[in-house]
Structure formats: structure tokens, C-alpha cells
Amino acid sequence: MAKMVNSKYGWTWPQFVKADSDCDRYWQAQKAEKRSLIEATKKSPRATTQGEKKTSEKIYIDF
């Protein structure tokens, strides 16, 4: 186990690990939000051939 040593910024190791995980969680949420916005704003494909008719899919974004 790592020693509880203060760095020059006054942080202990557990505080650093928590801040790092919070940062990772924030950026994962940002990427997921961007991905969902891209999916929600995609244009539907041009008219399909007569034999294949696709039903429109509803997009649900959980805020």
C-alpha cells in the first residue's frame, strides 16, 4: 500500500485518486452526451427501395 505522503501541493494519495476518477467520470459523461446528440441529429437515409420500407425509430435520450 502506498504511504500517505503529502505532495508539494498538499494532496494525499487518496485525494489524488479520487480527483482522477472524478475527472475520468466527467469526460466519459461528456463523450456519451456528445455521442447521443450526434445520434439524435443524424439525418434519416434517403427513401429506400419499394420492397424495403423501414419504420421510423424513436430516439430516447435519458437526461
PDB file of N, CA and C in Angstrom:
ATOM      1  N   MET A   1       0.849  -1.192   0.000  1.00  0.00           N
ATOM      2  CA  MET A   1       0.000   0.000   0.000  1.00  0.00           C
ATOM      3  C   MET A   1       0.890   1.248   0.000  1.00  0.00           C
ATOM      4  N   ALA A   2       0.462   2.252  -0.719  1.00  0.00           N
ATOM      5  CA  ALA A   2       1.231   3.488  -0.820  1.00  0.00           C
ATOM      6  C   ALA A   2       1.179   4.257   0.496  1.00  0.00           C
ATOM      7  N   LYS A   3       2.263   4.924   0.796  1.00  0.00           N
ATOM      8  CA  LYS A   3       2.311   5.747   2.006  1.00  0.00           C
ATOM      9  C   LYS A   3       1.436   6.976   1.818  1.00  0.00           C
ATOM     10  N   MET A   4       0.936   7.491   2.935  1.00  0.00           N
ATOM     11  CA  MET A   4       0.140   8.710   2.901  1.00  0.00           C
ATOM     12  C   MET A   4       1.105   9.894   2.998  1.00  0.00           C
ATOM     13  N   VAL A   5       1.683  10.273   1.877  1.00  0.00           N
ATOM     14  CA  VAL A   5       2.674  11.342   1.857  1.00  0.00           C
ATOM     15  C   VAL A   5       2.061  12.564   1.190  1.00  0.00           C
ATOM     16  N   ASN A   6       2.251  13.709   1.786  1.00  0.00           N
ATOM     17  CA  ASN A   6       1.778  14.943   1.179  1.00  0.00           C
ATOM     18  C   ASN A   6       2.708  15.324   0.039  1.00  0.00           C
ATOM     19  N   SER A   7       2.120  15.702  -1.064  1.00  0.00           N
ATOM     20  CA  SER A   7       2.926  16.189  -2.176  1.00  0.00           C
ATOM     21  C   SER A   7       3.204  17.671  -1.945  1.00  0.00           C
ATOM     22  N   LYS A   8       3.915  18.283  -2.862  1.00  0.00           N
ATOM     23  CA  LYS A   8       4.192  19.716  -2.713  1.00  0.00           C
ATOM     24  C   LYS A   8       2.922  20.556  -2.832  1.00  0.00           C
ATOM     25  N   TYR A   9       1.827  19.951  -3.368  1.00  0.00           N
ATOM     26  CA  TYR A   9       0.564  20.682  -3.471  1.00  0.00           C
ATOM     27  C   TYR A   9      -0.340  20.435  -2.269  1.00  0.00           C
ATOM     28  N   GLY A  10       0.089  19.586  -1.346  1.00  0.00           N
ATOM     29  CA  GLY A  10      -0.686  19.335  -0.145  1.00  0.00           C
ATOM     30  C   GLY A  10      -1.741  18.253  -0.300  1.00  0.00           C
ATOM     31  N   TRP A  11      -1.711  17.497  -1.397  1.00  0.00           N
ATOM     32  CA  TRP A  11      -2.691  16.424  -1.588  1.00  0.00           C
ATOM     33  C   TRP A  11      -2.140  15.123  -1.055  1.00  0.00           C
ATOM     34  N   THR A  12      -3.004  14.297  -0.503  1.00  0.00           N
ATOM     35  CA  THR A  12      -2.607  12.943  -0.133  1.00  0.00           C
ATOM     36  C   THR A  12      -2.980  12.034  -1.298  1.00  0.00           C
ATOM     37  N   TRP A  13      -2.428  10.835  -1.296  1.00  0.00           N
ATOM     38  CA  TRP A  13      -2.660   9.902  -2.397  1.00  0.00           C
ATOM     39  C   TRP A  13      -4.146   9.598  -2.618  1.00  0.00           C
ATOM     40  N   PRO A  14      -4.939   9.289  -1.564  1.00  0.00           N
ATOM     41  CA  PRO A  14      -6.372   9.017  -1.796  1.00  0.00           C
ATOM     42  C   PRO A  14      -7.114  10.195  -2.421  1.00  0.00           C
ATOM     43  N   GLN A  15      -6.733  11.426  -2.052  1.00  0.00           N
ATOM     44  CA  GLN A  15      -7.375  12.594  -2.664  1.00  0.00           C
ATOM     45  C   GLN A  15      -7.047  12.678  -4.146  1.00  0.00           C
ATOM     46  N   PHE A  16      -5.808  12.364  -4.495  1.00  0.00           N
ATOM     47  CA  PHE A  16      -5.404  12.382  -5.896  1.00  0.00           C
ATOM     48  C   PHE A  16      -6.173  11.327  -6.700  1.00  0.00           C
ATOM     49  N   VAL A  17      -6.294  10.120  -6.137  1.00  0.00           N
ATOM     50  CA  VAL A  17      -7.011   9.037  -6.827  1.00  0.00           C
ATOM     51  C   VAL A  17      -8.471   9.414  -7.020  1.00  0.00           C
ATOM     52  N   LYS A  18      -9.092  10.014  -5.999  1.00  0.00           N
ATOM     53  CA  LYS A  18     -10.499  10.416  -6.114  1.00  0.00           C
ATOM     54  C   LYS A  18     -10.665  11.496  -7.182  1.00  0.00           C
ATOM     55  N   ALA A  19      -9.788  12.480  -7.188  1.00  0.00           N
ATOM     56  CA  ALA A  19      -9.871  13.556  -8.186  1.00  0.00           C
ATOM     57  C   ALA A  19      -9.695  12.995  -9.589  1.00  0.00           C
ATOM     58  N   ASP A  20      -8.785  12.037  -9.741  1.00  0.00           N
ATOM     59  CA  ASP A  20      -8.542  11.424 -11.041  1.00  0.00           C
ATOM     60  C   ASP A  20      -9.771  10.660 -11.519  1.00  0.00           C
ATOM     61  N   SER A  21     -10.398   9.901 -10.621  1.00  0.00           N
ATOM     62  CA  SER A  21     -11.587   9.139 -11.019  1.00  0.00           C
ATOM     63  C   SER A  21     -12.760  10.070 -11.319  1.00  0.00           C
ATOM     64  N   ASP A  22     -12.880  11.167 -10.557  1.00  0.00           N
ATOM     65  CA  ASP A  22     -13.937  12.143 -10.850  1.00  0.00           C
ATOM     66  C   ASP A  22     -13.748  12.746 -12.238  1.00  0.00           C
ATOM     67  N   CYS A  23     -12.493  13.049 -12.578  1.00  0.00           N
ATOM     68  CA  CYS A  23     -12.182  13.622 -13.882  1.00  0.00           C
ATOM     69  C   CYS A  23     -12.525  12.619 -14.997  1.00  0.00           C
ATOM     70  N   ASP A  24     -12.149  11.356 -14.799  1.00  0.00           N
ATOM     71  CA  ASP A  24     -12.471  10.326 -15.794  1.00  0.00           C
ATOM     72  C   ASP A  24     -13.975  10.207 -15.988  1.00  0.00           C
ATOM     73  N   ARG A  25     -14.725  10.211 -14.889  1.00  0.00           N
ATOM     74  CA  ARG A  25     -16.179  10.094 -14.974  1.00  0.00           C
ATOM     75  C   ARG A  25     -16.776  11.285 -15.720  1.00  0.00           C
ATOM     76  N   TYR A  26     -16.240  12.480 -15.466  1.00  0.00           N
ATOM     77  CA  TYR A  26     -16.731  13.687 -16.142  1.00  0.00           C
ATOM     78  C   TYR A  26     -16.543  13.566 -17.655  1.00  0.00           C
ATOM     79  N   TRP A  27     -15.344  13.165 -18.095  1.00  0.00           N
ATOM     80  CA  TRP A  27     -15.081  13.092 -19.535  1.00  0.00           C
ATOM     81  C   TRP A  27     -15.848  11.958 -20.193  1.00  0.00           C
ATOM     82  N   GLN A  28     -16.099  10.861 -19.474  1.00  0.00           N
ATOM     83  CA  GLN A  28     -16.931   9.791 -20.037  1.00  0.00           C
ATOM     84  C   GLN A  28     -18.346  10.296 -20.252  1.00  0.00           C
ATOM     85  N   ALA A  29     -18.871  11.065 -19.298  1.00  0.00           N
ATOM     86  CA  ALA A  29     -20.218  11.625 -19.440  1.00  0.00           C
ATOM     87  C   ALA A  29     -20.269  12.609 -20.611  1.00  0.00           C
ATOM     88  N   GLN A  30     -19.218  13.410 -20.774  1.00  0.00           N
ATOM     89  CA  GLN A  30     -19.182  14.363 -21.886  1.00  0.00           C
ATOM     90  C   GLN A  30     -19.196  13.628 -23.226  1.00  0.00           C
ATOM     91  N   LYS A  31     -18.400  12.542 -23.336  1.00  0.00           N
ATOM     92  CA  LYS A  31     -18.354  11.787 -24.592  1.00  0.00           C
ATOM     93  C   LYS A  31     -19.693  11.129 -24.873  1.00  0.00           C
ATOM     94  N   ALA A  32     -20.341  10.584 -23.823  1.00  0.00           N
ATOM     95  CA  ALA A  32     -21.637   9.932 -24.006  1.00  0.00           C
ATOM     96  C   ALA A  32     -22.696  10.944 -24.448  1.00  0.00           C
ATOM     97  N   GLU A  33     -22.656  12.141 -23.862  1.00  0.00           N
ATOM     98  CA  GLU A  33     -23.618  13.177 -24.236  1.00  0.00           C
ATOM     99  C   GLU A  33     -23.410  13.607 -25.684  1.00  0.00           C
ATOM    100  N   LYS A  34     -22.157  13.778 -26.083  1.00  0.00           N
ATOM    101  CA  LYS A  34     -21.860  14.173 -27.461  1.00  0.00           C
ATOM    102  C   LYS A  34     -22.317  13.088 -28.436  1.00  0.00           C
ATOM    103  N   ARG A  35     -22.055  11.825 -28.077  1.00  0.00           N
ATOM    104  CA  ARG A  35     -22.455  10.709 -28.928  1.00  0.00           C
ATOM    105  C   ARG A  35     -23.976  10.659 -29.075  1.00  0.00           C
ATOM    106  N   SER A  36     -24.708  10.875 -27.972  1.00  0.00           N
ATOM    107  CA  SER A  36     -26.163  10.827 -28.057  1.00  0.00           C
ATOM    108  C   SER A  36     -26.707  11.992 -28.878  1.00  0.00           C
ATOM    109  N   LEU A  37     -26.064  13.162 -28.785  1.00  0.00           N
ATOM    110  CA  LEU A  37     -26.506  14.288 -29.604  1.00  0.00           C
ATOM    111  C   LEU A  37     -26.258  14.022 -31.081  1.00  0.00           C
ATOM    112  N   ILE A  38     -25.138  13.413 -31.402  1.00  0.00           N
ATOM    113  CA  ILE A  38     -24.841  13.072 -32.794  1.00  0.00           C
ATOM    114  C   ILE A  38     -25.874  12.081 -33.314  1.00  0.00           C
ATOM    115  N   GLU A  39     -26.197  11.060 -32.500  1.00  0.00           N
ATOM    116  CA  GLU A  39     -27.192  10.072 -32.915  1.00  0.00           C
ATOM    117  C   GLU A  39     -28.568  10.723 -33.101  1.00  0.00           C
ATOM    118  N   ALA A  40     -28.909  11.664 -32.219  1.00  0.00           N
ATOM    119  CA  ALA A  40     -30.232  12.294 -32.272  1.00  0.00           C
ATOM    120  C   ALA A  40     -30.374  13.219 -33.474  1.00  0.00           C
ATOM    121  N   THR A  41     -29.267  13.789 -33.934  1.00  0.00           N
ATOM    122  CA  THR A  41     -29.365  14.746 -35.031  1.00  0.00           C
ATOM    123  C   THR A  41     -28.990  14.157 -36.389  1.00  0.00           C
ATOM    124  N   LYS A  42     -28.745  12.841 -36.432  1.00  0.00           N
ATOM    125  CA  LYS A  42     -28.411  12.224 -37.722  1.00  0.00           C
ATOM    126  C   LYS A  42     -29.601  12.336 -38.667  1.00  0.00           C
ATOM    127  N   LYS A  43     -29.316  12.610 -39.905  1.00  0.00           N
ATOM    128  CA  LYS A  43     -30.385  12.677 -40.895  1.00  0.00           C
ATOM    129  C   LYS A  43     -30.789  11.259 -41.274  1.00  0.00           C
ATOM    130  N   SER A  44     -32.077  11.087 -41.535  1.00  0.00           N
ATOM    131  CA  SER A  44     -32.538   9.770 -41.937  1.00  0.00           C
ATOM    132  C   SER A  44     -32.049   9.493 -43.358  1.00  0.00           C
ATOM    133  N   PRO A  45     -31.809   8.236 -43.676  1.00  0.00           N
ATOM    134  CA  PRO A  45     -31.339   7.909 -45.020  1.00  0.00           C
ATOM    135  C   PRO A  45     -32.388   8.240 -46.083  1.00  0.00           C
ATOM    136  N   ARG A  46     -31.937   8.397 -47.300  1.00  0.00           N
ATOM    137  CA  ARG A  46     -32.859   8.696 -48.405  1.00  0.00           C
ATOM    138  C   ARG A  46     -33.905   7.583 -48.525  1.00  0.00           C
ATOM    139  N   ALA A  47     -34.942   7.857 -49.307  1.00  0.00           N
ATOM    140  CA  ALA A  47     -36.032   6.891 -49.470  1.00  0.00           C
ATOM    141  C   ALA A  47     -35.485   5.526 -49.877  1.00  0.00           C
ATOM    142  N   THR A  48     -35.967   4.500 -49.208  1.00  0.00           N
ATOM    143  CA  THR A  48     -35.499   3.144 -49.509  1.00  0.00           C
ATOM    144  C   THR A  48     -36.233   2.608 -50.727  1.00  0.00           C
ATOM    145  N   THR A  49     -35.760   1.512 -51.236  1.00  0.00           N
ATOM    146  CA  THR A  49     -36.413   0.914 -52.406  1.00  0.00           C
ATOM    147  C   THR A  49     -37.816   0.457 -52.024  1.00  0.00           C
ATOM    148  N   GLN A  50     -38.655   0.240 -53.012  1.00  0.00           N
ATOM    149  CA  GLN A  50     -40.058  -0.066 -52.731  1.00  0.00           C
ATOM    150  C   GLN A  50     -40.238  -1.329 -51.911  1.00  0.00           C
ATOM    151  N   GLY A  51     -39.386  -2.307 -52.106  1.00  0.00           N
ATOM    152  CA  GLY A  51     -39.530  -3.569 -51.379  1.00  0.00           C
ATOM    153  C   GLY A  51     -39.232  -3.429 -49.892  1.00  0.00           C
ATOM    154  N   GLU A  52     -38.341  -2.530 -49.544  1.00  0.00           N
ATOM    155  CA  GLU A  52     -37.943  -2.371 -48.137  1.00  0.00           C
ATOM    156  C   GLU A  52     -38.465  -1.055 -47.579  1.00  0.00           C
ATOM    157  N   LYS A  53     -39.397  -1.146 -46.685  1.00  0.00           N
ATOM    158  CA  LYS A  53     -39.876   0.062 -46.016  1.00  0.00           C
ATOM    159  C   LYS A  53     -39.510  -0.069 -44.546  1.00  0.00           C
ATOM    160  N   LYS A  54     -38.771   0.903 -44.069  1.00  0.00           N
ATOM    161  CA  LYS A  54     -38.350   0.863 -42.668  1.00  0.00           C
ATOM    162  C   LYS A  54     -39.262   1.745 -41.834  1.00  0.00           C
ATOM    163  N   THR A  55     -39.555   1.270 -40.636  1.00  0.00           N
ATOM    164  CA  THR A  55     -40.346   2.098 -39.731  1.00  0.00           C
ATOM    165  C   THR A  55     -39.413   3.099 -39.068  1.00  0.00           C
ATOM    166  N   SER A  56     -39.922   4.246 -38.730  1.00  0.00           N
ATOM    167  CA  SER A  56     -39.070   5.245 -38.073  1.00  0.00           C
ATOM    168  C   SER A  56     -38.840   4.815 -36.625  1.00  0.00           C
ATOM    169  N   GLU A  57     -37.626   4.994 -36.181  1.00  0.00           N
ATOM    170  CA  GLU A  57     -37.272   4.622 -34.820  1.00  0.00           C
ATOM    171  C   GLU A  57     -37.284   5.872 -33.950  1.00  0.00           C
ATOM    172  N   LYS A  58     -37.872   5.720 -32.777  1.00  0.00           N
ATOM    173  CA  LYS A  58     -37.880   6.848 -31.860  1.00  0.00           C
ATOM    174  C   LYS A  58     -36.587   6.816 -31.062  1.00  0.00           C
ATOM    175  N   ILE A  59     -35.980   7.968 -30.897  1.00  0.00           N
ATOM    176  CA  ILE A  59     -34.743   8.071 -30.137  1.00  0.00           C
ATOM    177  C   ILE A  59     -35.074   8.597 -28.765  1.00  0.00           C
ATOM    178  N   TYR A  60     -34.671   7.851 -27.729  1.00  0.00           N
ATOM    179  CA  TYR A  60     -34.913   8.266 -26.355  1.00  0.00           C
ATOM    180  C   TYR A  60     -33.594   8.624 -25.708  1.00  0.00           C
ATOM    181  N   ILE A  61     -33.495   9.853 -25.227  1.00  0.00           N
ATOM    182  CA  ILE A  61     -32.283  10.302 -24.551  1.00  0.00           C
ATOM    183  C   ILE A  61     -32.628  10.501 -23.083  1.00  0.00           C
ATOM    184  N   ASP A  62     -31.967   9.765 -22.216  1.00  0.00           N
ATOM    185  CA  ASP A  62     -32.218   9.840 -20.785  1.00  0.00           C
ATOM    186  C   ASP A  62     -31.394  10.952 -20.161  1.00  0.00           C
ATOM    187  N   PHE A  63     -32.062  12.022 -19.774  1.00  0.00           N
ATOM    188  CA  PHE A  63     -31.335  13.126 -19.139  1.00  0.00           C
ATOM    189  C   PHE A  63     -31.383  12.942 -17.677  1.00  0.00           C
TER     190      PHE A  63
END
